[in-house]
C-alpha atoms as a PDB file:
ATOM      1  CA  MET A   1     -50.683  79.575 -58.771  1.00  0.00           C
ATOM      2  CA  GLY A   2     -48.675  76.371 -58.906  1.00  0.00           C
ATOM      3  CA  ASN A   3     -49.663  73.333 -57.763  1.00  0.00           C
ATOM      4  CA  GLY A   4     -46.858  71.575 -55.389  1.00  0.00           C
ATOM      5  CA  ILE A   5     -45.904  67.593 -55.737  1.00  0.00           C
ATOM      6  CA  TYR A   6     -45.054  66.210 -52.701  1.00  0.00           C
ATOM      7  CA  GLY A   7     -43.574  62.315 -52.398  1.00  0.00           C
ATOM      8  CA  THR A   8     -45.628  59.835 -50.710  1.00  0.00           C
ATOM      9  CA  THR A   9     -42.993  57.155 -49.981  1.00  0.00           C
ATOM     10  CA  ARG A  10     -41.142  57.601 -46.975  1.00  0.00           C
ATOM     11  CA  PRO A  11     -37.652  55.384 -46.464  1.00  0.00           C
ATOM     12  CA  SER A  12     -38.082  53.065 -43.423  1.00  0.00           C
ATOM     13  CA  ASP A  13     -36.328  53.251 -40.484  1.00  0.00           C
ATOM     14  CA  VAL A  14     -37.680  50.195 -38.581  1.00  0.00           C
ATOM     15  CA  SER A  15     -35.890  48.334 -35.822  1.00  0.00           C
ATOM     16  CA  ILE A  16     -34.214  45.322 -36.824  1.00  0.00           C
ATOM     17  CA  SER A  17     -36.117  43.743 -33.991  1.00  0.00           C
ATOM     18  CA  ASP A  18     -39.342  44.494 -35.561  1.00  0.00           C
ATOM     19  CA  ILE A  19     -38.833  42.581 -38.502  1.00  0.00           C
ATOM     20  CA  ASP A  20     -39.678  38.670 -39.200  1.00  0.00           C
ATOM     21  CA  VAL A  21     -37.741  36.787 -41.598  1.00  0.00           C
ATOM     22  CA  TYR A  22     -38.810  33.583 -43.339  1.00  0.00           C
ATOM     23  CA  TYR A  23     -37.470  31.486 -45.895  1.00  0.00           C
ATOM     24  CA  ASN A  24     -38.012  28.747 -48.042  1.00  0.00           C
ATOM     25  CA  TYR A  25     -35.639  26.396 -50.158  1.00  0.00           C
ATOM     26  CA  THR A  26     -36.346  24.382 -53.152  1.00  0.00           C
ATOM     27  CA  PRO A  27     -33.614  22.826 -55.345  1.00  0.00           C
ATOM     28  CA  ASN A  28     -35.128  23.608 -58.732  1.00  0.00           C
ATOM     29  CA  ARG A  29     -38.156  25.366 -60.118  1.00  0.00           C
ATOM     30  CA  GLU A  30     -39.856  22.027 -60.531  1.00  0.00           C
ATOM     31  CA  THR A  31     -39.839  20.946 -56.974  1.00  0.00           C
ATOM     32  CA  VAL A  32     -42.394  22.248 -54.716  1.00  0.00           C
ATOM     33  CA  ASN A  33     -41.654  22.805 -51.073  1.00  0.00           C
ATOM     34  CA  ASN A  34     -44.113  24.213 -48.472  1.00  0.00           C
ATOM     35  CA  PHE A  35     -41.731  23.864 -45.352  1.00  0.00           C
ATOM     36  CA  ILE A  36     -41.133  27.505 -44.064  1.00  0.00           C
ATOM     37  CA  TYR A  37     -38.234  28.349 -41.742  1.00  0.00           C
ATOM     38  CA  LYS A  38     -37.933  31.289 -39.404  1.00  0.00           C
ATOM     39  CA  LEU A  39     -34.347  33.158 -39.073  1.00  0.00           C
ATOM     40  CA  ASP A  40     -33.287  35.492 -36.463  1.00  0.00           C
ATOM     41  CA  SER A  41     -33.412  39.077 -38.349  1.00  0.00           C
ATOM     42  CA  THR A  42     -30.338  40.479 -36.077  1.00  0.00           C
ATOM     43  CA  GLU A  43     -28.404  37.830 -37.489  1.00  0.00           C
ATOM     44  CA  ILE A  44     -28.766  38.601 -40.879  1.00  0.00           C
ATOM     45  CA  LEU A  45     -29.970  42.113 -41.158  1.00  0.00           C
ATOM     46  CA  SER A  46     -27.731  45.247 -40.173  1.00  0.00           C
ATOM     47  CA  TYR A  47     -28.105  49.481 -40.431  1.00  0.00           C
ATOM     48  CA  ASN A  48     -26.372  51.506 -42.930  1.00  0.00           C
ATOM     49  CA  TYR A  49     -25.189  55.095 -41.738  1.00  0.00           C
ATOM     50  CA  LEU A  50     -24.523  58.403 -43.416  1.00  0.00           C
ATOM     51  CA  PRO A  51     -21.196  59.219 -44.394  1.00  0.00           C
ATOM     52  CA  ASP A  52     -18.931  60.909 -41.755  1.00  0.00           C
ATOM     53  CA  GLU A  53     -18.991  64.330 -43.510  1.00  0.00           C
ATOM     54  CA  GLU A  54     -22.847  64.323 -43.428  1.00  0.00           C
ATOM     55  CA  GLN A  55     -23.189  63.297 -39.836  1.00  0.00           C
ATOM     56  CA  ILE A  56     -24.641  65.241 -37.213  1.00  0.00           C
ATOM     57  CA  VAL A  57     -22.964  65.184 -33.872  1.00  0.00           C
ATOM     58  CA  GLY A  58     -24.575  63.122 -31.228  1.00  0.00           C
ATOM     59  CA  SER A  59     -26.848  61.785 -33.822  1.00  0.00           C
ATOM     60  CA  GLU A  60     -27.418  58.224 -34.760  1.00  0.00           C
ATOM     61  CA  ASN A  61     -27.437  59.176 -38.517  1.00  0.00           C
ATOM     62  CA  LEU A  62     -28.905  56.158 -39.799  1.00  0.00           C
ATOM     63  CA  LEU A  63     -29.422  55.968 -43.712  1.00  0.00           C
ATOM     64  CA  GLU A  64     -33.323  55.199 -43.767  1.00  0.00           C
ATOM     65  CA  GLY A  65     -34.411  52.481 -46.126  1.00  0.00           C
ATOM     66  CA  LEU A  66     -31.115  51.072 -46.817  1.00  0.00           C
ATOM     67  CA  TYR A  67     -30.125  47.567 -44.837  1.00  0.00           C
ATOM     68  CA  ASN A  68     -27.408  45.087 -45.315  1.00  0.00           C
ATOM     69  CA  LEU A  69     -28.340  41.858 -45.770  1.00  0.00           C
ATOM     70  CA  ARG A  70     -26.341  38.759 -44.810  1.00  0.00           C
ATOM     71  CA  LEU A  71     -26.503  35.357 -46.269  1.00  0.00           C
ATOM     72  CA  PRO A  72     -24.604  32.848 -43.918  1.00  0.00           C
ATOM     73  CA  ALA A  73     -23.372  29.779 -45.485  1.00  0.00           C
ATOM     74  CA  THR A  74     -24.831  27.521 -42.686  1.00  0.00           C
ATOM     75  CA  VAL A  75     -28.108  28.301 -44.079  1.00  0.00           C
ATOM     76  CA  PHE A  76     -27.698  29.319 -47.926  1.00  0.00           C
ATOM     77  CA  GLY A  77     -24.875  26.646 -48.471  1.00  0.00           C
ATOM     78  CA  GLN A  78     -27.034  24.169 -50.799  1.00  0.00           C
ATOM     79  CA  LEU A  79     -27.345  25.216 -54.662  1.00  0.00           C
ATOM     80  CA  GLY A  80     -31.203  26.013 -55.368  1.00  0.00           C
ATOM     81  CA  ILE A  81     -33.485  28.646 -55.002  1.00  0.00           C
ATOM     82  CA  TYR A  82     -34.069  30.431 -51.755  1.00  0.00           C
ATOM     83  CA  THR A  83     -37.579  32.890 -51.466  1.00  0.00           C
ATOM     84  CA  LEU A  84     -36.673  35.109 -48.548  1.00  0.00           C
ATOM     85  CA  TYR A  85     -39.791  36.804 -46.933  1.00  0.00           C
ATOM     86  CA  LEU A  86     -39.260  39.956 -44.565  1.00  0.00           C
ATOM     87  CA  LYS A  87     -42.501  41.185 -42.905  1.00  0.00           C
ATOM     88  CA  PRO A  88     -43.545  43.334 -40.477  1.00  0.00           C
ATOM     89  CA  LYS A  89     -43.018  41.234 -36.741  1.00  0.00           C
ATOM     90  CA  LYS A  90     -46.305  40.216 -35.286  1.00  0.00           C
ATOM     91  CA  VAL A  91     -47.679  39.659 -31.594  1.00  0.00           C
ATOM     92  CA  ASP A  92     -50.293  37.397 -30.586  1.00  0.00           C
ATOM     93  CA  SER A  93     -52.835  38.722 -27.846  1.00  0.00           C
ATOM     94  CA  VAL A  94     -56.413  38.097 -26.357  1.00  0.00           C
ATOM     95  CA  ILE A  95     -59.338  41.013 -26.251  1.00  0.00           C
ATOM     96  CA  VAL A  96     -59.976  41.001 -22.518  1.00  0.00           C
ATOM     97  CA  ASP A  97     -63.190  43.226 -23.107  1.00  0.00           C
ATOM     98  CA  CYS A  98     -64.877  45.618 -25.752  1.00  0.00           C
ATOM     99  CA  SER A  99     -66.066  48.281 -23.893  1.00  0.00           C
ATOM    100  CA  VAL A 100     -66.075  52.257 -24.031  1.00  0.00           C
ATOM    101  CA  LEU A 101     -64.485  54.833 -21.667  1.00  0.00           C
ATOM    102  CA  SER A 102     -66.245  56.195 -18.346  1.00  0.00           C
ATOM    103  CA  SER A 103     -65.669  59.856 -19.570  1.00  0.00           C
ATOM    104  CA  LEU A 104     -66.370  59.162 -23.267  1.00  0.00           C
ATOM    105  CA  PRO A 105     -69.098  56.510 -23.393  1.00  0.00           C
ATOM    106  CA  SER A 106     -69.293  57.386 -27.392  1.00  0.00           C
ATOM    107  CA  VAL A 107     -65.666  56.102 -27.965  1.00  0.00           C
ATOM    108  CA  LYS A 108     -65.410  52.380 -28.441  1.00  0.00           C
ATOM    109  CA  GLY A 109     -62.455  50.295 -28.035  1.00  0.00           C
ATOM    110  CA  ILE A 110     -61.097  46.937 -27.130  1.00  0.00           C
ATOM    111  CA  VAL A 111     -59.302  46.114 -23.879  1.00  0.00           C
ATOM    112  CA  LEU A 112     -55.847  44.490 -23.756  1.00  0.00           C
ATOM    113  CA  ASP A 113     -53.565  43.132 -20.998  1.00  0.00           C
ATOM    114  CA  THR A 114     -50.331  44.479 -21.053  1.00  0.00           C
ATOM    115  CA  ASN A 115     -48.888  41.473 -19.167  1.00  0.00           C
ATOM    116  CA  GLN A 116     -49.528  39.666 -22.707  1.00  0.00           C
ATOM    117  CA  LEU A 117     -47.459  42.343 -24.813  1.00  0.00           C
ATOM    118  CA  PRO A 118     -43.803  42.910 -25.200  1.00  0.00           C
ATOM    119  CA  GLU A 119     -41.913  45.489 -23.027  1.00  0.00           C
ATOM    120  CA  GLY A 120     -41.933  48.069 -25.703  1.00  0.00           C
ATOM    121  CA  LEU A 121     -45.786  47.986 -26.518  1.00  0.00           C
ATOM    122  CA  ARG A 122     -47.039  48.432 -23.174  1.00  0.00           C
ATOM    123  CA  ALA A 123     -46.578  52.309 -22.652  1.00  0.00           C
ATOM    124  CA  ASN A 124     -49.586  54.844 -23.686  1.00  0.00           C
ATOM    125  CA  ASN A 125     -50.056  55.377 -27.454  1.00  0.00           C
ATOM    126  CA  ALA A 126     -46.811  52.710 -28.257  1.00  0.00           C
ATOM    127  CA  LEU A 127     -49.327  50.444 -30.256  1.00  0.00           C
ATOM    128  CA  GLN A 128     -50.423  53.794 -32.212  1.00  0.00           C
ATOM    129  CA  GLY A 129     -50.249  52.731 -36.141  1.00  0.00           C
ATOM    130  CA  TYR A 130     -50.425  49.152 -35.565  1.00  0.00           C
ATOM    131  CA  ARG A 131     -52.478  46.890 -37.435  1.00  0.00           C
ATOM    132  CA  ILE A 132     -55.385  44.585 -35.751  1.00  0.00           C
ATOM    133  CA  GLU A 133     -56.201  41.169 -37.329  1.00  0.00           C
ATOM    134  CA  TYR A 134     -58.745  38.628 -35.969  1.00  0.00           C
ATOM    135  CA  ILE A 135     -58.568  34.839 -35.531  1.00  0.00           C
ATOM    136  CA  ASP A 136     -62.105  32.921 -35.921  1.00  0.00           C
ATOM    137  CA  SER A 137     -62.782  31.514 -32.543  1.00  0.00           C
ATOM    138  CA  THR A 138     -64.781  28.910 -33.993  1.00  0.00           C
ATOM    139  CA  THR A 139     -62.037  27.523 -36.710  1.00  0.00           C
ATOM    140  CA  ASN A 140     -59.198  29.326 -35.225  1.00  0.00           C
ATOM    141  CA  ASN A 141     -58.301  30.660 -38.298  1.00  0.00           C
ATOM    142  CA  LYS A 142     -57.245  34.030 -39.548  1.00  0.00           C
ATOM    143  CA  ILE A 143     -60.401  36.184 -40.670  1.00  0.00           C
ATOM    144  CA  ARG A 144     -59.145  37.251 -44.027  1.00  0.00           C
ATOM    145  CA  ASN A 145     -59.169  40.715 -45.150  1.00  0.00           C
ATOM    146  CA  VAL A 146     -60.334  42.096 -42.005  1.00  0.00           C
ATOM    147  CA  VAL A 147     -58.035  44.871 -40.440  1.00  0.00           C
ATOM    148  CA  ARG A 148     -58.493  47.451 -38.133  1.00  0.00           C
ATOM    149  CA  TYR A 149     -55.701  49.892 -37.385  1.00  0.00           C
ATOM    150  CA  VAL A 150     -55.070  51.774 -33.681  1.00  0.00           C
ATOM    151  CA  VAL A 151     -55.805  55.213 -33.162  1.00  0.00           C
ATOM    152  CA  THR A 152     -54.923  55.457 -29.652  1.00  0.00           C
ATOM    153  CA  SER A 153     -53.817  52.973 -26.852  1.00  0.00           C
ATOM    154  CA  ASN A 154     -53.740  54.075 -22.974  1.00  0.00           C
ATOM    155  CA  LYS A 155     -53.497  52.581 -19.681  1.00  0.00           C
ATOM    156  CA  VAL A 156     -56.735  52.328 -18.167  1.00  0.00           C
ATOM    157  CA  VAL A 157     -58.538  50.621 -14.841  1.00  0.00           C
ATOM    158  CA  PRO A 158     -61.901  49.216 -14.740  1.00  0.00           C
ATOM    159  CA  VAL A 159     -64.649  51.061 -13.135  1.00  0.00           C
ATOM    160  CA  SER A 160     -68.296  49.755 -12.303  1.00  0.00           C
ATOM    161  CA  GLU A 161     -70.988  52.585 -13.175  1.00  0.00           C
ATOM    162  CA  ASN A 162     -74.754  52.436 -13.345  1.00  0.00           C
ATOM    163  CA  VAL A 163     -76.553  51.803 -16.736  1.00  0.00           C
ATOM    164  CA  GLY A 164     -78.903  54.463 -17.173  1.00  0.00           C
ATOM    165  CA  ASN A 165     -81.405  55.108 -14.450  1.00  0.00           C
ATOM    166  CA  THR A 166     -81.473  51.240 -13.730  1.00  0.00           C
ATOM    167  CA  SER A 167     -79.620  49.377 -10.847  1.00  0.00           C
ATOM    168  CA  GLN A 168     -77.393  47.359 -13.299  1.00  0.00           C
ATOM    169  CA  LYS A 169     -73.869  47.709 -13.443  1.00  0.00           C
ATOM    170  CA  ALA A 170     -71.509  48.178 -16.388  1.00  0.00           C
ATOM    171  CA  ILE A 171     -67.972  47.868 -16.635  1.00  0.00           C
ATOM    172  CA  ARG A 172     -66.162  50.950 -18.158  1.00  0.00           C
ATOM    173  CA  TYR A 173     -62.572  52.195 -18.082  1.00  0.00           C
ATOM    174  CA  ARG A 174     -60.948  55.204 -16.898  1.00  0.00           C
ATOM    175  CA  PHE A 175     -57.467  56.514 -17.971  1.00  0.00           C
ATOM    176  CA  ASP A 176     -54.951  55.691 -15.079  1.00  0.00           C
ATOM    177  CA  ASP A 177     -51.050  55.479 -15.635  1.00  0.00           C
ATOM    178  CA  SER A 178     -50.561  52.747 -13.162  1.00  0.00           C
ATOM    179  CA  GLY A 179     -53.149  50.234 -14.676  1.00  0.00           C
ATOM    180  CA  THR A 180     -52.291  46.936 -16.335  1.00  0.00           C
ATOM    181  CA  LEU A 181     -54.757  47.328 -19.016  1.00  0.00           C
ATOM    182  CA  LEU A 182     -54.807  49.183 -22.240  1.00  0.00           C
ATOM    183  CA  PHE A 183     -57.863  50.792 -24.051  1.00  0.00           C
ATOM    184  CA  VAL A 184     -57.132  50.325 -27.807  1.00  0.00           C
ATOM    185  CA  GLN A 185     -59.328  52.867 -29.899  1.00  0.00           C
ATOM    186  CA  LEU A 186     -59.416  51.269 -33.508  1.00  0.00           C
ATOM    187  CA  THR A 187     -60.488  52.624 -36.811  1.00  0.00           C
ATOM    188  CA  PRO A 188     -62.714  52.250 -38.467  1.00  0.00           C
ATOM    189  CA  SER A 189     -64.980  51.997 -35.307  1.00  0.00           C
ATOM    190  CA  SER A 190     -67.770  54.493 -35.667  1.00  0.00           C
ATOM    191  CA  SER A 191     -71.021  53.819 -37.509  1.00  0.00           C
ATOM    192  CA  SER A 192     -71.758  54.983 -41.101  1.00  0.00           C
ATOM    193  CA  ASP A 193     -74.487  57.571 -42.188  1.00  0.00           C
ATOM    194  CA  VAL A 194     -75.941  55.107 -44.307  1.00  0.00           C
ATOM    195  CA  LYS A 195     -76.421  52.662 -41.435  1.00  0.00           C
ATOM    196  CA  PRO A 196     -76.095  54.602 -38.089  1.00  0.00           C
ATOM    197  CA  ASN A 197     -77.383  51.858 -35.648  1.00  0.00           C
ATOM    198  CA  ILE A 198     -74.705  49.047 -36.863  1.00  0.00           C
ATOM    199  CA  SER A 199     -71.120  49.506 -35.444  1.00  0.00           C
ATOM    200  CA  PRO A 200     -68.120  48.113 -37.549  1.00  0.00           C
ATOM    201  CA  PHE A 201     -66.745  44.764 -36.128  1.00  0.00           C
ATOM    202  CA  ILE A 202     -63.758  45.456 -33.519  1.00  0.00           C
ATOM    203  CA  GLY A 203     -63.758  41.900 -32.000  1.00  0.00           C
ATOM    204  CA  ASN A 204     -65.101  40.098 -29.076  1.00  0.00           C
ATOM    205  CA  PRO A 205     -64.266  39.267 -25.569  1.00  0.00           C
ATOM    206  CA  ASP A 206     -61.575  36.394 -25.397  1.00  0.00           C
ATOM    207  CA  GLN A 207     -60.912  36.772 -29.274  1.00  0.00           C
ATOM    208  CA  MET A 208     -57.578  36.086 -30.018  1.00  0.00           C
ATOM    209  CA  ILE A 209     -55.579  38.786 -32.375  1.00  0.00           C
ATOM    210  CA  ILE A 210     -52.821  39.439 -34.279  1.00  0.00           C
ATOM    211  CA  ILE A 211     -50.797  42.749 -33.678  1.00  0.00           C
ATOM    212  CA  SER A 212     -48.242  43.809 -36.210  1.00  0.00           C
ATOM    213  CA  ASN A 213     -46.507  47.250 -36.937  1.00  0.00           C
ATOM    214  CA  THR A 214     -46.995  49.018 -40.172  1.00  0.00           C
ATOM    215  CA  PHE A 215     -43.636  50.593 -40.518  1.00  0.00           C
ATOM    216  CA  PHE A 216     -43.004  48.797 -43.938  1.00  0.00           C
ATOM    217  CA  SER A 217     -44.287  46.880 -46.651  1.00  0.00           C
ATOM    218  CA  PRO A 218     -43.395  42.875 -46.425  1.00  0.00           C
ATOM    219  CA  LEU A 219     -40.999  42.241 -48.925  1.00  0.00           C
ATOM    220  CA  VAL A 220     -39.998  38.993 -50.909  1.00  0.00           C
ATOM    221  CA  ILE A 221     -36.410  38.445 -52.174  1.00  0.00           C
ATOM    222  CA  GLU A 222     -35.672  35.712 -54.465  1.00  0.00           C
ATOM    223  CA  ILE A 223     -31.955  34.356 -54.092  1.00  0.00           C
ATOM    224  CA  ASP A 224     -30.677  31.769 -57.030  1.00  0.00           C
ATOM    225  CA  MET A 225     -27.567  29.728 -55.644  1.00  0.00           C
ATOM    226  CA  VAL A 226     -25.926  28.645 -58.663  1.00  0.00           C
ATOM    227  CA  ALA A 227     -22.404  26.722 -59.282  1.00  0.00           C
ATOM    228  CA  ASN A 228     -20.944  29.219 -61.514  1.00  0.00           C
ATOM    229  CA  THR A 229     -21.065  33.023 -62.160  1.00  0.00           C
ATOM    230  CA  ILE A 230     -20.687  35.123 -65.210  1.00  0.00           C
ATOM    231  CA  ASP A 231     -16.883  35.466 -64.101  1.00  0.00           C
ATOM    232  CA  THR A 232     -16.313  31.667 -63.679  1.00  0.00           C
ATOM    233  CA  LEU A 233     -18.281  30.846 -67.031  1.00  0.00           C
ATOM    234  CA  THR A 234     -16.359  33.327 -68.702  1.00  0.00           C
ATOM    235  CA  ASN A 235     -12.844  31.827 -67.443  1.00  0.00           C
ATOM    236  CA  TYR A 236     -14.024  28.215 -68.804  1.00  0.00           C
ATOM    237  CA  VAL A 237     -14.802  29.632 -72.054  1.00  0.00           C
ATOM    238  CA  ALA A 238     -12.201  32.271 -72.859  1.00  0.00           C
ATOM    239  CA  GLY A 239      -9.862  31.670 -70.024  1.00  0.00           C
ATOM    240  CA  GLU A 240      -6.419  30.107 -69.651  1.00  0.00           C
ATOM    241  CA  GLN A 241      -6.166  26.359 -70.082  1.00  0.00           C
ATOM    242  CA  ILE A 242      -3.576  23.917 -70.302  1.00  0.00           C
ATOM    243  CA  LYS A 243      -3.662  20.387 -71.784  1.00  0.00           C
ATOM    244  CA  ASP A 244      -1.346  17.485 -70.808  1.00  0.00           C
ATOM    245  CA  VAL A 245      -1.187  15.558 -73.508  1.00  0.00           C
ATOM    246  CA  ASP A 246       1.089  12.624 -71.726  1.00  0.00           C
ATOM    247  CA  ASN A 247      -1.157  12.571 -68.637  1.00  0.00           C
ATOM    248  CA  GLY A 248      -4.431  13.201 -70.437  1.00  0.00           C
ATOM    249  CA  ILE A 249      -5.290  16.240 -68.268  1.00  0.00           C
ATOM    250  CA  LEU A 250      -7.284  19.313 -69.256  1.00  0.00           C
ATOM    251  CA  THR A 251      -7.145  22.188 -66.616  1.00  0.00           C
ATOM    252  CA  TYR A 252      -8.959  25.448 -66.272  1.00  0.00           C
ATOM    253  CA  TYR A 253      -7.529  28.232 -64.398  1.00  0.00           C
ATOM    254  CA  ASP A 254      -9.315  31.590 -63.225  1.00  0.00           C
ATOM    255  CA  GLU A 255      -7.803  35.209 -63.705  1.00  0.00           C
ATOM    256  CA  ASN A 256      -5.342  34.454 -61.121  1.00  0.00           C
ATOM    257  CA  ARG A 257      -4.583  31.396 -62.756  1.00  0.00           C
ATOM    258  CA  ILE A 258      -5.683  29.248 -59.869  1.00  0.00           C
ATOM    259  CA  ILE A 259      -6.688  25.887 -60.881  1.00  0.00           C
ATOM    260  CA  THR A 260     -10.535  25.788 -60.658  1.00  0.00           C
ATOM    261  CA  LYS A 261     -11.455  22.502 -62.482  1.00  0.00           C
ATOM    262  CA  GLN A 262      -9.560  19.554 -63.784  1.00  0.00           C
ATOM    263  CA  PHE A 263     -10.787  16.812 -66.712  1.00  0.00           C
ATOM    264  CA  ASN A 264      -9.360  13.328 -67.883  1.00  0.00           C
ATOM    265  CA  ILE A 265      -9.250  13.520 -71.597  1.00  0.00           C
ATOM    266  CA  PHE A 266      -8.801  10.408 -73.510  1.00  0.00           C
ATOM    267  CA  GLU A 267     -10.260   8.248 -76.776  1.00  0.00           C
ATOM    268  CA  ILE A 268     -12.376   5.202 -76.780  1.00  0.00           C
ATOM    269  CA  LYS A 269     -11.183   3.082 -79.945  1.00  0.00           C
ATOM    270  CA  ASP A 270     -12.452   0.305 -81.674  1.00  0.00           C
ATOM    271  CA  SER A 271     -11.394  -2.901 -80.135  1.00  0.00           C
ATOM    272  CA  ILE A 272     -10.818  -4.680 -83.945  1.00  0.00           C
ATOM    273  CA  ASP A 273      -9.704  -1.712 -85.904  1.00  0.00           C
ATOM    274  CA  ASP A 274      -8.038   0.720 -83.352  1.00  0.00           C
ATOM    275  CA  VAL A 275      -9.910   3.407 -84.766  1.00  0.00           C
ATOM    276  CA  PRO A 276     -11.028   6.293 -82.371  1.00  0.00           C
ATOM    277  CA  LEU A 277     -14.899   6.180 -81.528  1.00  0.00           C
ATOM    278  CA  TYR A 278     -15.311   8.923 -79.020  1.00  0.00           C
ATOM    279  CA  GLU A 279     -13.253  11.341 -77.480  1.00  0.00           C
ATOM    280  CA  VAL A 280     -14.043  11.917 -73.650  1.00  0.00           C
ATOM    281  CA  LYS A 281     -13.826  14.564 -71.210  1.00  0.00           C
ATOM    282  CA  GLU A 282     -14.448  13.461 -67.867  1.00  0.00           C
ATOM    283  CA  LYS A 283     -14.241  15.474 -64.508  1.00  0.00           C
ATOM    284  CA  ARG A 284     -11.658  14.681 -61.952  1.00  0.00           C
ATOM    285  CA  ASN A 285     -12.697  14.166 -58.369  1.00  0.00           C
ATOM    286  CA  THR A 286      -9.515  15.107 -57.358  1.00  0.00           C
ATOM    287  CA  ILE A 287      -7.108  17.948 -58.460  1.00  0.00           C
ATOM    288  CA  ASP A 288      -3.611  17.450 -59.649  1.00  0.00           C
ATOM    289  CA  ASN A 289      -1.724  20.205 -58.286  1.00  0.00           C
ATOM    290  CA  THR A 290       1.336  19.601 -60.516  1.00  0.00           C
ATOM    291  CA  GLN A 291      -0.623  21.394 -63.317  1.00  0.00           C
ATOM    292  CA  GLY A 292      -0.352  24.757 -61.784  1.00  0.00           C
ATOM    293  CA  PHE A 293      -0.179  27.076 -64.739  1.00  0.00           C
ATOM    294  CA  ASN A 294       3.285  28.717 -63.913  1.00  0.00           C
ATOM    295  CA  GLU A 295       5.026  25.455 -62.660  1.00  0.00           C
ATOM    296  CA  VAL A 296       3.798  23.913 -66.068  1.00  0.00           C
ATOM    297  CA  VAL A 297       4.886  26.999 -68.304  1.00  0.00           C
ATOM    298  CA  ASN A 298       8.242  27.685 -66.623  1.00  0.00           C
ATOM    299  CA  ASP A 299       9.320  23.829 -66.958  1.00  0.00           C
ATOM    300  CA  VAL A 300       8.754  23.971 -70.518  1.00  0.00           C
ATOM    301  CA  GLN A 301      10.527  27.139 -70.907  1.00  0.00           C
END
């Protein structure tokens, strides 16, 4: 009997609006810059689609896992190193309560106010699969390496019930699609067999939490903006050039014979013996357009 091999990597079809994009810029690798800037993901990312012959009529035919990245010159216009960071979009919220369901007292969860969530996360089970992280109420810092995942999220309303055989009342929650609260069941939330009396931490009332999707893994892209590419360097080394001896101008051209750079060339001589001491190639700040390749060659011929 053969053993089947199954892939575990699924191409992401995450919505662009569910992606947060940040970047950092430094002019060189010796300079440290800790300033982080945020970009609008909808302005620099776009979808790709399957070829026309593979499209299904009436379907979006999105090509999963492949997105276009645009680098606008207004942002990426300087020479240097840009570190681009793409991560799942996060939402901040506050835990309203930590309680149980009225019909299932063994099911523990946290309660969130739907008014603190984006429209798309307010429906039943819209948060399923999302990641929950916690903010320490004392230090206001994120509690590192403490992560819980959403199993279910359903609209509920609070109900007051007796606790055991006493006259004390406790607030529990009942499913109701007209409610403005979400009962969010997390994992892990049940006690282990080793310590059945100790429940895993799922948060405290009034505690700030960070909610983020798990649609893709964070991605870091380093972009090095340089003055020259392999093509331009090749043009300087092996491309066409003309030296105007009379005017002392050295001109370089690209593959289309368009002027790319010009230099003044001259000698520095000894003031007494008139002997050349140095040969100088000085970059020109302005281009002399009379040195066009075709114009110079045609004039000579």
